[in-house]
Amino acid sequence: MEVYYLRAGTGDTLQQLGDPEVTATVTPDLNNFHYTAPKPGVYAIVVTVYDAANNSARARKIFNYDNEPAYTETDAPAYFKEALNETHPFITKLDNKRKLTLTWPGRFQFNKPKLEWYKRVEPWEIDQRSIDDIYGTTFGLRSISAIDKNEESSNYSCVYIIDPKTGGLGLEVPPDNSSLPQGYIVGNCSVADDTATLNLKSDLRDGNTVVVWVTASDLRGSNTVKRKVTLDESRANVSGHQFLKNREDHFS
């Protein structure tokens, strides 16, 4: 058994260059081999078998190892646009009581993929005693489509609950409708870029609280941001102020 860390060659391919990272002898009765990749990258495992007459045959399998998340979460605020800014936990007026917009610009910074990991791998010369890495109909040459960049990219998901009680239910995980008390509504959001649109199933009423969970995820895990806002039409929004001097030492 040999494990190689593949490196860029002279062309636009990855090649099996230099000495193996590790070499091991495996007996037929054991029939397995354990290896932990020390760093992200593209590796090749080469298995060579021998018989009593010292005849040999070999096979190679290519694999990618990447333990780095595709995004970094920051402290950028996530807030409802209708609440004027991220510090307001309530809304006093809605022009459309069936629509809310949650935005989180800069909250998740997506990392650019290392494109060299998606390069083709230089194949072995084909002979009857060697089997190189095979993907689909491509023999001896890992195709670019074998490692799909779309599978590696991060994505968002978003769900919400409408809570008829002021203050919000405070659930950590949104359940389905069947397990909620009467009057609670669960729905999915429409996500585009750093914005989620909540097209509510019914008009939001005074005192209703909307709890939203936005989750950024990739193949390695996920992070969730939870926000809630209450429609409170009894409050007054103060959007600005001005002090006017009406006496020598008094302001109003």
Protein backbone atom coordinates (compact mmCIF):
# COMPACT_ATOMS: atom_id res chain seq x y z
CA MET A 1 0.00 0.00 0.00
CA GLU A 2 1.25 3.48 -0.88
CA VAL A 3 -0.39 6.87 -0.41
CA TYR A 4 0.71 9.84 -2.54
CA TYR A 5 -0.08 13.52 -2.19
CA LEU A 6 -0.73 14.68 -5.74
CA ARG A 7 1.00 17.84 -6.96
CA ALA A 8 0.68 20.11 -9.96
CA GLY A 9 2.80 18.96 -12.90
CA THR A 10 4.18 20.89 -15.82
CA GLY A 11 0.79 21.01 -17.50
CA ASP A 12 -2.67 21.75 -16.19
CA THR A 13 -2.93 18.43 -14.34
CA LEU A 14 -2.13 16.86 -10.99
CA GLN A 15 0.56 14.22 -10.99
CA GLN A 16 1.82 11.44 -8.73
CA LEU A 17 5.25 12.93 -8.07
CA GLY A 18 7.97 12.09 -5.54
CA ASP A 19 7.95 9.53 -2.77
CA PRO A 20 4.78 8.23 -1.12
CA GLU A 21 3.52 9.82 2.09
CA VAL A 22 3.29 6.41 3.68
CA THR A 23 4.03 2.79 2.74
CA ALA A 24 2.55 -0.28 4.41
CA THR A 25 2.37 -4.04 3.89
CA VAL A 26 -1.06 -5.62 4.22
CA THR A 27 -1.57 -9.37 4.38
CA PRO A 28 -4.56 -11.01 2.65
CA ASP A 29 -6.09 -12.11 5.95
CA LEU A 30 -6.12 -8.49 7.22
CA ASN A 31 -7.42 -7.06 3.94
CA ASN A 32 -7.72 -3.41 5.09
CA PHE A 33 -5.60 -0.31 5.52
CA HIS A 34 -6.16 2.83 7.60
CA TYR A 35 -4.79 6.23 6.66
CA THR A 36 -5.49 9.72 8.03
CA ALA A 37 -4.70 12.55 5.62
CA PRO A 38 -2.51 15.16 7.38
CA LYS A 39 -3.67 18.12 5.28
CA PRO A 40 -6.34 19.02 2.72
CA GLY A 41 -5.60 18.10 -0.87
CA VAL A 42 -5.84 15.36 -3.50
CA TYR A 43 -4.41 11.94 -2.70
CA ALA A 44 -3.86 8.64 -4.48
CA ILE A 45 -3.95 5.24 -2.81
CA VAL A 46 -1.97 2.65 -4.78
CA VAL A 47 -2.50 -1.04 -4.05
CA THR A 48 0.00 -3.54 -5.47
CA VAL A 49 -0.61 -7.27 -5.11
CA TYR A 50 1.96 -10.06 -5.49
CA ASP A 51 1.73 -13.81 -5.85
CA ALA A 52 4.21 -16.52 -4.87
CA ALA A 53 5.97 -16.22 -8.23
CA ASN A 54 6.39 -12.46 -7.68
CA ASN A 55 3.93 -11.54 -10.40
CA SER A 56 2.24 -8.24 -9.58
CA ALA A 57 -0.74 -6.08 -10.44
CA ARG A 58 -1.74 -2.70 -9.15
CA ALA A 59 -4.72 -0.39 -8.80
CA ARG A 60 -5.05 3.28 -7.91
CA LYS A 61 -7.88 5.30 -6.42
CA ILE A 62 -7.96 9.12 -6.22
CA PHE A 63 -9.68 10.90 -3.34
CA ASN A 64 -10.07 14.48 -2.12
CA TYR A 65 -9.69 15.40 1.53
CA ASP A 66 -10.97 18.77 2.70
CA ASN A 67 -11.81 19.50 6.34
CA GLU A 68 -12.03 23.27 5.94
CA PRO A 69 -15.51 24.87 6.03
CA ALA A 70 -16.66 26.62 2.90
CA TYR A 71 -17.65 29.73 4.87
CA THR A 72 -16.66 31.80 7.89
CA GLU A 73 -19.35 33.23 10.19
CA THR A 74 -18.82 36.85 11.26
CA ASP A 75 -20.55 39.16 13.75
CA ALA A 76 -22.41 41.07 11.02
CA PRO A 77 -26.04 41.65 12.09
CA ALA A 78 -29.02 39.69 10.82
CA TYR A 79 -32.24 41.69 11.04
CA PHE A 80 -35.71 42.32 9.63
CA LYS A 81 -35.83 45.25 7.22
CA GLU A 82 -39.32 46.14 8.44
CA ALA A 83 -37.95 46.71 11.96
CA LEU A 84 -35.87 49.66 10.64
CA ASN A 85 -32.59 48.29 12.02
CA GLU A 86 -31.07 45.32 13.83
CA THR A 87 -31.73 46.73 17.32
CA HIS A 88 -35.54 46.75 17.02
CA PRO A 89 -37.23 43.51 18.17
CA PHE A 90 -40.61 44.81 17.04
CA ILE A 91 -42.44 46.28 14.05
CA THR A 92 -45.12 48.95 14.41
CA LYS A 93 -46.36 49.16 10.83
CA LEU A 94 -46.52 46.74 7.90
CA ASP A 95 -47.61 47.80 4.44
CA ASN A 96 -47.94 44.11 3.54
CA LYS A 97 -48.93 41.92 6.48
CA ARG A 98 -48.13 38.74 4.54
CA LYS A 99 -44.51 39.53 3.79
CA LEU A 100 -41.35 40.04 5.84
CA THR A 101 -37.73 40.33 4.78
CA LEU A 102 -34.76 39.12 6.81
CA THR A 103 -31.28 40.18 5.68
CA TRP A 104 -27.78 39.26 6.89
CA PRO A 105 -25.20 40.97 4.61
CA GLY A 106 -21.67 39.83 5.40
CA ARG A 107 -22.75 37.40 8.13
CA PHE A 108 -21.31 34.41 6.24
CA GLN A 109 -18.12 34.97 4.25
CA PHE A 110 -17.81 32.21 1.68
CA ASN A 111 -14.30 30.98 0.98
CA LYS A 112 -13.13 30.51 -2.57
CA PRO A 113 -12.52 26.83 -3.40
CA LYS A 114 -8.99 25.75 -4.14
CA LEU A 115 -9.38 25.19 -7.85
CA GLU A 116 -6.27 23.02 -8.15
CA TRP A 117 -8.16 20.31 -6.24
CA TYR A 118 -10.55 20.05 -9.18
CA LYS A 119 -7.89 19.55 -11.85
CA ARG A 120 -7.62 16.39 -13.87
CA VAL A 121 -5.18 13.78 -12.64
CA GLU A 122 -2.50 12.56 -15.01
CA PRO A 123 -3.33 8.88 -15.71
CA TRP A 124 -1.10 5.86 -15.70
CA GLU A 125 -0.32 4.20 -18.96
CA ILE A 126 -3.00 1.58 -19.49
CA ASP A 127 -1.82 -2.02 -19.34
CA GLN A 128 -3.47 -5.30 -18.51
CA ARG A 129 -1.95 -5.46 -15.01
CA SER A 130 -2.98 -1.95 -13.88
CA ILE A 131 -6.33 -0.42 -13.06
CA ASP A 132 -6.31 3.35 -12.69
CA ASP A 133 -8.96 5.53 -11.07
CA ILE A 134 -12.30 5.19 -12.85
CA TYR A 135 -15.23 7.63 -12.83
CA GLY A 136 -18.15 6.86 -15.08
CA THR A 137 -16.95 6.19 -18.60
CA THR A 138 -13.57 7.85 -18.07
CA PHE A 139 -10.78 5.30 -17.63
CA GLY A 140 -7.40 6.33 -16.30
CA LEU A 141 -8.23 10.02 -16.11
CA ARG A 142 -10.30 11.61 -13.37
CA SER A 143 -12.80 13.86 -15.08
CA ILE A 144 -13.54 17.34 -13.75
CA SER A 145 -17.20 16.39 -13.45
CA ALA A 146 -16.25 13.68 -10.97
CA ILE A 147 -15.69 16.36 -8.31
CA ASP A 148 -18.66 18.66 -8.72
CA LYS A 149 -18.04 22.22 -7.48
CA ASN A 150 -21.76 22.58 -6.81
CA GLU A 151 -21.53 19.77 -4.26
CA GLU A 152 -18.78 21.66 -2.45
CA SER A 153 -20.53 25.01 -2.31
CA SER A 154 -22.42 26.30 0.70
CA ASN A 155 -26.12 27.02 0.66
CA TYR A 156 -28.81 28.60 2.82
CA SER A 157 -32.05 27.25 4.18
CA CYS A 158 -34.66 29.17 6.13
CA VAL A 159 -37.79 28.30 8.11
CA TYR A 160 -40.11 30.41 10.24
CA ILE A 161 -42.84 30.07 12.86
CA ILE A 162 -45.65 32.53 13.46
CA ASP A 163 -46.35 32.56 17.20
CA PRO A 164 -49.71 34.11 18.18
CA LYS A 165 -48.31 35.09 21.58
CA THR A 166 -46.22 38.21 22.07
CA GLY A 167 -42.62 37.35 22.86
CA GLY A 168 -42.27 34.21 20.77
CA LEU A 169 -42.30 30.55 21.57
CA GLY A 170 -38.51 30.45 21.84
CA LEU A 171 -38.10 27.05 20.20
CA GLU A 172 -34.56 25.92 19.45
CA VAL A 173 -35.58 23.73 16.53
CA PRO A 174 -38.70 24.49 14.49
CA PRO A 175 -41.03 21.50 14.57
CA ASP A 176 -43.57 20.64 11.90
CA ASN A 177 -47.14 21.87 12.07
CA SER A 178 -48.45 18.63 13.54
CA SER A 179 -46.57 19.07 16.82
CA LEU A 180 -47.36 22.76 17.36
CA PRO A 181 -50.20 24.14 19.48
CA GLN A 182 -53.22 25.48 17.67
CA GLY A 183 -52.61 28.88 16.12
CA TYR A 184 -48.92 28.37 15.33
CA ILE A 185 -47.84 28.31 11.68
CA VAL A 186 -44.65 26.93 10.15
CA GLY A 187 -43.35 27.98 6.72
CA ASN A 188 -40.28 28.05 4.49
CA CYS A 189 -38.54 31.20 3.26
CA SER A 190 -37.35 32.09 -0.21
CA VAL A 191 -33.59 32.76 -0.03
CA ALA A 192 -31.58 34.80 -2.53
CA ASP A 193 -28.01 35.90 -1.77
CA ASP A 194 -28.04 37.31 1.79
CA THR A 195 -31.79 37.87 2.01
CA ALA A 196 -34.74 35.68 2.96
CA THR A 197 -38.29 36.59 1.97
CA LEU A 198 -41.08 35.30 4.20
CA ASN A 199 -44.30 35.00 2.23
CA LEU A 200 -46.64 34.36 5.16
CA LYS A 201 -49.64 32.08 4.85
CA SER A 202 -51.94 34.57 6.56
CA ASP A 203 -51.97 38.19 7.65
CA LEU A 204 -49.67 38.99 10.56
CA ARG A 205 -51.79 40.31 13.42
CA ASP A 206 -50.98 42.70 16.24
CA GLY A 207 -49.14 40.75 18.95
CA ASN A 208 -47.93 37.98 16.61
CA THR A 209 -44.25 37.05 16.83
CA VAL A 210 -42.29 35.64 13.90
CA VAL A 211 -39.31 33.41 14.74
CA VAL A 212 -36.88 32.69 11.89
CA TRP A 213 -33.99 30.25 11.58
CA VAL A 214 -31.45 30.84 8.77
CA THR A 215 -28.92 28.03 8.31
CA ALA A 216 -25.75 28.18 6.23
CA SER A 217 -24.46 24.68 5.48
CA ASP A 218 -21.92 22.76 3.46
CA LEU A 219 -20.72 19.17 3.38
CA ARG A 220 -18.87 19.61 6.68
CA GLY A 221 -21.58 21.07 8.87
CA SER A 222 -23.87 24.04 9.42
CA ASN A 223 -24.41 27.22 11.46
CA THR A 224 -27.81 28.66 12.32
CA VAL A 225 -28.86 32.23 13.10
CA LYS A 226 -32.16 32.69 14.95
CA ARG A 227 -34.08 35.98 14.92
CA LYS A 228 -37.55 37.00 16.04
CA VAL A 229 -39.71 40.08 15.66
CA THR A 230 -43.13 41.04 17.04
CA LEU A 231 -45.83 43.12 15.36
CA ASP A 232 -46.75 45.69 18.03
CA GLU A 233 -48.98 48.39 16.60
CA SER A 234 -49.32 50.12 19.99
CA ARG A 235 -45.68 51.28 19.95
CA ALA A 236 -44.42 54.46 18.34
CA ASN A 237 -41.37 54.40 16.13
CA VAL A 238 -39.02 57.35 16.66
CA SER A 239 -37.03 57.70 13.47
CA GLY A 240 -35.27 60.98 14.39
CA HIS A 241 -35.19 63.85 16.87
CA GLN A 242 -34.23 67.50 17.12
CA PHE A 243 -33.67 69.74 20.15
CA LEU A 244 -34.99 73.32 19.86
CA LYS A 245 -33.94 76.02 22.26
CA ASN A 246 -37.01 77.94 23.53
CA ARG A 247 -35.44 79.58 26.57
CA GLU A 248 -31.97 80.50 27.57
CA ASP A 249 -31.35 77.34 29.58
CA HIS A 250 -34.12 74.97 28.45
CA PHE A 251 -34.50 72.71 25.43
CA SER A 252 -37.56 70.88 24.18
